[in-house]
Amino acid sequence: MLDSRATIGESPTWYAAERALFWIDVKEPALHRLGSDGSTQRWQLESDIGAFALLEGAVGALVALRKGIFSLDFRNSATRLLAQAPFDSRLFRFNEGICDAQGRFWVGVMFDPIPGIRAETSLKSALHRFTFAHGLTAGSDRSALHNGFAWSCSHDAFFWSHSKTGRIYRAPYDPGAGELGSPELFVDVQGGKCVPDGAAMDEEGCYWCAIHGAGVLHRYDATGILVSQIRLPVSQPTMCAFVGVNLDEMVVTSARENLSPAQLQREPHAGGVFRFRPGVRGTARPCVVR
């Protein structure tokens, strides 16, 4: 376990070429790297980071911040704006991201007003796609909180959730054209404040999902049936990811945000990054944008 005490730890990403784990703290805000030798690096950012993807050779990263999509140079921490945020950044921020096998970066949005800004109800914004050739383009799917991105084993289906409604969707995906088909409901997670968060796919075609607020990981089979669950020592897991040379280990990030002093006393490692063997291998998650 890495006792990082992140406010909102998120997006654990295994970069096999360096045997390194990258992850973010949304509200710190920063991008972190944990090397196989235990070494750590950290890149401080100017505003909430909702998602990231690595650049070729891991010389830097694409970071989705409140005001837009930026490139981050790992050598000097310099950032450069690539695409302006297509929403009111006082009300929204980017949230959750994933690359496809061709290097397209899919990034969602979350309704998360900055302090001092009020809105009576949650508003929705679009799922977006970014490439260096075409920039940032909006899709048709709209949500107040995109989450749970994952690809099927054959990369011909995309999974994602609308966390505010507790629903997880699946849609056919054309990897050549980079287009999503019509979505269908995959799972309806019933649990009030317990919502589906970040996800991963194993080699048996099962979808793993962190259930934020419930302190568990759910594993759903290809038909959406809950086949197993793993209880965690924290109530707010945020995302799971398969890691290691054989992708037979799993890490889970977590959050401390909104926990009371009594809850933090019961969960001293909230905000930490946990590592264990789930008993099944995962599929490689593309993480390089092109």
Protein backbone atom coordinates (compact mmCIF):
# COMPACT_ATOMS: atom_id res chain seq x y z
CA MET A 1 0.00 0.00 0.00
CA LEU A 2 1.07 3.57 -0.74
CA ASP A 3 -0.21 5.73 2.12
CA SER A 4 -0.58 8.82 -0.08
CA ARG A 5 -3.59 10.33 1.73
CA ALA A 6 -4.87 11.83 -1.51
CA THR A 7 -7.90 14.07 -1.42
CA ILE A 8 -9.20 12.28 -4.53
CA GLY A 9 -6.74 9.68 -5.75
CA GLU A 10 -7.70 8.58 -9.26
CA SER A 11 -6.76 7.08 -12.62
CA PRO A 12 -4.10 4.47 -11.72
CA THR A 13 -2.36 3.68 -15.01
CA TRP A 14 0.24 0.97 -15.59
CA TYR A 15 2.95 1.88 -18.11
CA ALA A 16 4.50 -1.47 -18.97
CA ALA A 17 7.53 -0.09 -20.84
CA GLU A 18 8.85 1.40 -17.61
CA ARG A 19 7.05 -0.91 -15.16
CA ALA A 20 5.72 2.23 -13.54
CA LEU A 21 2.40 3.25 -12.06
CA PHE A 22 1.04 6.72 -12.79
CA TRP A 23 -1.91 8.17 -10.89
CA ILE A 24 -3.43 11.55 -10.02
CA ASP A 25 -4.78 13.46 -7.05
CA VAL A 26 -7.59 15.49 -8.60
CA LYS A 27 -7.65 18.22 -5.97
CA GLU A 28 -3.97 18.45 -4.97
CA PRO A 29 -3.77 18.80 -8.01
CA ALA A 30 -0.87 16.66 -9.25
CA LEU A 31 0.22 13.76 -11.41
CA HIS A 32 2.29 11.11 -9.63
CA ARG A 33 4.64 8.34 -10.77
CA LEU A 34 5.67 5.31 -8.71
CA GLY A 35 8.63 3.39 -10.14
CA SER A 36 9.25 -0.35 -9.77
CA ASP A 37 12.15 0.50 -7.45
CA GLY A 38 9.87 2.47 -5.14
CA SER A 39 11.02 5.86 -6.41
CA THR A 40 8.39 8.58 -6.71
CA GLN A 41 7.92 11.67 -8.85
CA ARG A 42 5.27 14.35 -8.72
CA TRP A 43 4.18 17.11 -11.11
CA GLN A 44 2.17 19.91 -9.53
CA LEU A 45 -0.59 21.34 -11.75
CA GLU A 46 -2.47 24.62 -11.85
CA SER A 47 -6.04 23.35 -11.46
CA ASP A 48 -8.08 20.20 -10.89
CA ILE A 49 -6.87 17.31 -13.06
CA GLY A 50 -9.63 14.94 -14.12
CA ALA A 51 -7.73 12.59 -16.43
CA PHE A 52 -4.44 12.10 -18.27
CA ALA A 53 -2.73 10.08 -20.97
CA LEU A 54 0.97 9.62 -21.62
CA LEU A 55 2.87 11.04 -24.59
CA GLU A 56 5.02 8.78 -26.79
CA GLY A 57 8.00 7.48 -24.83
CA ALA A 58 6.48 8.84 -21.59
CA VAL A 59 8.40 12.10 -22.02
CA GLY A 60 5.31 13.89 -20.80
CA ALA A 61 1.57 13.64 -20.54
CA LEU A 62 -1.67 15.04 -21.85
CA VAL A 63 -3.51 16.42 -18.82
CA ALA A 64 -7.20 17.31 -18.71
CA LEU A 65 -7.46 20.34 -16.42
CA ARG A 66 -10.37 22.64 -15.64
CA LYS A 67 -9.51 25.16 -18.32
CA GLY A 68 -8.67 22.69 -21.06
CA ILE A 69 -6.42 19.96 -22.41
CA PHE A 70 -2.72 20.68 -21.85
CA SER A 71 0.56 18.98 -22.63
CA LEU A 72 2.87 18.47 -19.65
CA ASP A 73 6.64 18.16 -20.13
CA PHE A 74 8.07 15.81 -17.50
CA ARG A 75 11.54 17.40 -17.75
CA ASN A 76 10.59 20.90 -16.62
CA SER A 77 6.89 20.64 -15.61
CA ALA A 78 5.97 23.15 -18.33
CA THR A 79 2.39 23.01 -19.61
CA ARG A 80 0.97 24.17 -22.93
CA LEU A 81 -2.70 24.64 -23.80
CA LEU A 82 -3.81 22.37 -26.65
CA ALA A 83 -7.59 22.74 -26.47
CA GLN A 84 -9.77 25.14 -24.50
CA ALA A 85 -12.37 23.57 -22.20
CA PRO A 86 -15.67 23.43 -24.14
CA PHE A 87 -17.72 24.20 -21.02
CA ASP A 88 -17.98 26.74 -18.22
CA SER A 89 -14.98 25.75 -16.10
CA ARG A 90 -16.57 27.36 -13.04
CA LEU A 91 -19.24 24.64 -13.18
CA PHE A 92 -17.54 21.67 -14.84
CA ARG A 93 -14.23 19.90 -15.00
CA PHE A 94 -12.96 16.97 -17.02
CA ASN A 95 -13.34 13.59 -15.33
CA GLU A 96 -12.17 10.11 -16.36
CA GLY A 97 -10.21 9.34 -19.49
CA ILE A 98 -8.99 6.43 -21.55
CA CYS A 99 -7.05 5.92 -24.79
CA ASP A 100 -8.12 3.46 -27.42
CA ALA A 101 -5.62 1.21 -29.20
CA GLN A 102 -5.17 3.82 -31.95
CA GLY A 103 -4.24 6.54 -29.46
CA ARG A 104 -7.50 8.50 -29.37
CA PHE A 105 -8.07 9.96 -25.92
CA TRP A 106 -11.65 9.73 -24.69
CA VAL A 107 -12.40 12.08 -21.80
CA GLY A 108 -15.57 12.68 -19.80
CA VAL A 109 -16.90 15.59 -17.80
CA MET A 110 -18.13 16.14 -14.25
CA PHE A 111 -20.43 18.80 -12.86
CA ASP A 112 -18.24 20.11 -10.02
CA PRO A 113 -18.71 23.85 -9.34
CA ILE A 114 -15.76 25.72 -7.85
CA PRO A 115 -16.22 27.09 -4.31
CA GLY A 116 -18.59 30.04 -4.24
CA ILE A 117 -20.47 29.04 -7.39
CA ARG A 118 -23.93 27.61 -6.85
CA ALA A 119 -26.29 25.76 -9.14
CA GLU A 120 -29.69 24.41 -8.18
CA THR A 121 -29.36 21.12 -10.05
CA SER A 122 -26.61 19.06 -11.64
CA LEU A 123 -26.00 20.00 -15.25
CA LYS A 124 -24.76 17.72 -18.02
CA SER A 125 -21.95 17.97 -20.53
CA ALA A 126 -20.61 15.81 -23.33
CA LEU A 127 -18.18 12.94 -23.62
CA HIS A 128 -15.23 14.15 -25.72
CA ARG A 129 -12.46 12.71 -27.88
CA PHE A 130 -9.00 14.21 -28.45
CA THR A 131 -6.28 13.54 -31.02
CA PHE A 132 -3.37 15.73 -32.05
CA ALA A 133 -4.63 15.68 -35.63
CA HIS A 134 -8.22 16.71 -34.93
CA GLY A 135 -8.14 18.33 -31.50
CA LEU A 136 -11.07 18.05 -29.10
CA THR A 137 -14.46 16.97 -30.45
CA ALA A 138 -17.71 16.39 -28.58
CA GLY A 139 -19.78 13.23 -28.80
CA SER A 140 -23.47 12.72 -28.27
CA ASP A 141 -23.36 11.15 -24.80
CA ARG A 142 -24.07 13.65 -22.03
CA SER A 143 -23.78 13.17 -18.29
CA ALA A 144 -23.35 15.06 -15.03
CA LEU A 145 -20.56 12.62 -14.15
CA HIS A 146 -18.81 10.35 -16.65
CA ASN A 147 -16.90 7.45 -15.13
CA GLY A 148 -15.91 3.81 -15.40
CA PHE A 149 -14.27 3.79 -18.84
CA ALA A 150 -13.10 0.40 -20.11
CA TRP A 151 -12.75 -1.54 -23.37
CA SER A 152 -13.92 -5.05 -24.04
CA CYS A 153 -11.16 -7.64 -24.52
CA SER A 154 -11.43 -7.31 -28.31
CA HIS A 155 -11.76 -3.49 -28.17
CA ASP A 156 -15.04 -3.63 -30.06
CA ALA A 157 -17.17 -2.41 -27.16
CA PHE A 158 -16.88 0.54 -24.79
CA PHE A 159 -18.10 0.59 -21.18
CA TRP A 160 -18.75 3.72 -19.12
CA SER A 161 -20.99 4.94 -16.34
CA HIS A 162 -23.17 7.90 -15.46
CA SER A 163 -22.29 7.85 -11.78
CA LYS A 164 -25.01 10.25 -10.67
CA THR A 165 -27.68 7.84 -11.91
CA GLY A 166 -25.81 4.69 -10.89
CA ARG A 167 -26.00 3.29 -14.41
CA ILE A 168 -23.25 1.57 -16.39
CA TYR A 169 -23.57 1.43 -20.18
CA ARG A 170 -22.05 -0.55 -23.03
CA ALA A 171 -21.89 0.46 -26.69
CA PRO A 172 -20.36 -1.18 -29.76
CA TYR A 173 -17.16 0.52 -30.88
CA ASP A 174 -15.62 0.81 -34.33
CA PRO A 175 -11.88 1.09 -33.61
CA GLY A 176 -11.09 2.00 -37.20
CA ALA A 177 -13.43 4.98 -37.35
CA GLY A 178 -13.27 5.77 -33.63
CA GLU A 179 -17.06 5.85 -33.37
CA LEU A 180 -19.43 4.62 -30.67
CA GLY A 181 -22.65 2.82 -31.56
CA SER A 182 -25.97 2.98 -29.73
CA PRO A 183 -25.58 2.44 -25.97
CA GLU A 184 -27.43 -0.15 -23.93
CA LEU A 185 -27.79 -0.46 -20.17
CA PHE A 186 -25.22 -2.90 -18.78
CA VAL A 187 -25.75 -2.60 -15.01
CA ASP A 188 -27.96 -0.45 -12.78
CA VAL A 189 -26.12 -0.07 -9.47
CA GLN A 190 -28.67 0.52 -6.75
CA GLY A 191 -27.28 2.03 -3.59
CA GLY A 192 -28.16 5.67 -3.02
CA LYS A 193 -24.88 7.45 -2.31
CA CYS A 194 -22.89 4.38 -3.38
CA VAL A 195 -22.02 4.96 -7.03
CA PRO A 196 -20.05 3.22 -9.78
CA ASP A 197 -16.65 4.84 -10.20
CA GLY A 198 -13.49 3.82 -12.10
CA ALA A 199 -13.20 0.43 -13.76
CA ALA A 200 -10.99 -2.20 -15.38
CA MET A 201 -11.48 -5.25 -17.63
CA ASP A 202 -10.05 -8.71 -16.95
CA GLU A 203 -9.01 -11.34 -19.49
CA GLU A 204 -12.23 -13.30 -18.90
CA GLY A 205 -14.29 -10.36 -20.12
CA CYS A 206 -15.46 -9.32 -16.67
CA TYR A 207 -15.87 -5.66 -15.77
CA TRP A 208 -14.42 -4.58 -12.42
CA CYS A 209 -15.84 -1.41 -10.86
CA ALA A 210 -14.96 0.55 -7.73
CA ILE A 211 -18.17 1.32 -5.83
CA HIS A 212 -17.52 4.70 -4.26
CA GLY A 213 -19.21 5.03 -0.87
CA ALA A 214 -19.63 1.29 -0.36
CA GLY A 215 -15.98 0.31 0.07
CA VAL A 216 -16.09 -2.56 -2.39
CA LEU A 217 -15.02 -3.66 -5.85
CA HIS A 218 -17.70 -5.31 -7.97
CA ARG A 219 -16.91 -7.82 -10.70
CA TYR A 220 -19.59 -8.21 -13.37
CA ASP A 221 -19.62 -10.87 -16.05
CA ALA A 222 -20.24 -10.11 -19.72
CA THR A 223 -24.01 -10.19 -19.18
CA GLY A 224 -23.91 -7.68 -16.32
CA ILE A 225 -24.38 -10.22 -13.52
CA LEU A 226 -22.48 -9.49 -10.30
CA VAL A 227 -20.27 -12.54 -9.84
CA SER A 228 -18.02 -11.45 -6.97
CA GLN A 229 -17.00 -8.54 -4.81
CA ILE A 230 -13.97 -7.57 -2.76
CA ARG A 231 -14.31 -5.51 0.39
CA LEU A 232 -11.72 -2.78 0.91
CA PRO A 233 -10.39 -1.01 4.03
CA VAL A 234 -11.69 2.36 2.74
CA SER A 235 -15.22 3.51 1.94
CA GLN A 236 -14.36 5.64 -1.09
CA PRO A 237 -12.46 3.58 -3.67
CA THR A 238 -12.19 5.53 -6.91
CA MET A 239 -10.67 3.28 -9.57
CA CYS A 240 -9.05 -0.12 -10.05
CA ALA A 241 -6.37 -1.12 -12.57
CA PHE A 242 -4.45 -4.26 -13.45
CA VAL A 243 -0.69 -3.88 -13.05
CA GLY A 244 2.53 -5.87 -13.03
CA VAL A 245 4.53 -7.70 -15.67
CA ASN A 246 1.79 -10.33 -16.02
CA LEU A 247 -1.13 -8.00 -15.26
CA ASP A 248 -2.03 -10.35 -12.41
CA GLU A 249 -2.01 -7.69 -9.70
CA MET A 250 -4.51 -4.92 -9.09
CA VAL A 251 -4.19 -1.45 -7.61
CA VAL A 252 -7.05 0.63 -6.26
CA THR A 253 -6.95 4.38 -5.63
CA SER A 254 -9.16 6.03 -3.02
CA ALA A 255 -10.34 9.38 -1.65
CA ARG A 256 -10.47 11.22 1.66
CA GLU A 257 -12.72 14.01 0.43
CA ASN A 258 -15.88 14.65 2.52
CA LEU A 259 -14.98 12.13 5.22
CA SER A 260 -15.67 13.31 8.77
CA PRO A 261 -12.98 13.21 11.49
CA ALA A 262 -14.69 10.13 12.91
CA GLN A 263 -14.66 8.41 9.53
CA LEU A 264 -10.99 9.28 8.99
CA GLN A 265 -10.21 7.76 12.36
CA ARG A 266 -11.90 4.55 11.24
CA GLU A 267 -10.18 4.75 7.83
CA PRO A 268 -6.65 5.97 8.57
CA HIS A 269 -5.44 4.97 5.10
CA ALA A 270 -8.22 6.68 3.15
CA GLY A 271 -6.73 8.32 0.08
CA GLY A 272 -4.15 5.56 -0.23
CA VAL A 273 -3.25 3.34 -3.17
CA PHE A 274 -3.79 -0.36 -2.44
CA ARG A 275 -2.23 -3.34 -4.23
CA PHE A 276 -3.26 -7.02 -4.16
CA ARG A 277 -3.71 -10.13 -6.32
CA PRO A 278 -7.32 -10.50 -7.50
CA GLY A 279 -6.92 -14.09 -8.77
CA VAL A 280 -7.35 -13.24 -12.46
CA ARG A 281 -5.26 -11.44 -15.04
CA GLY A 282 -6.32 -8.19 -16.60
CA THR A 283 -6.20 -6.81 -20.11
CA ALA A 284 -3.69 -4.13 -21.11
CA ARG A 285 -5.19 -0.63 -20.94
CA PRO A 286 -3.90 1.67 -23.71
CA CYS A 287 -2.45 4.82 -22.18
CA VAL A 288 -0.53 6.66 -24.94
CA VAL A 289 -2.26 9.45 -26.89
CA ARG A 290 -1.45 10.15 -30.54
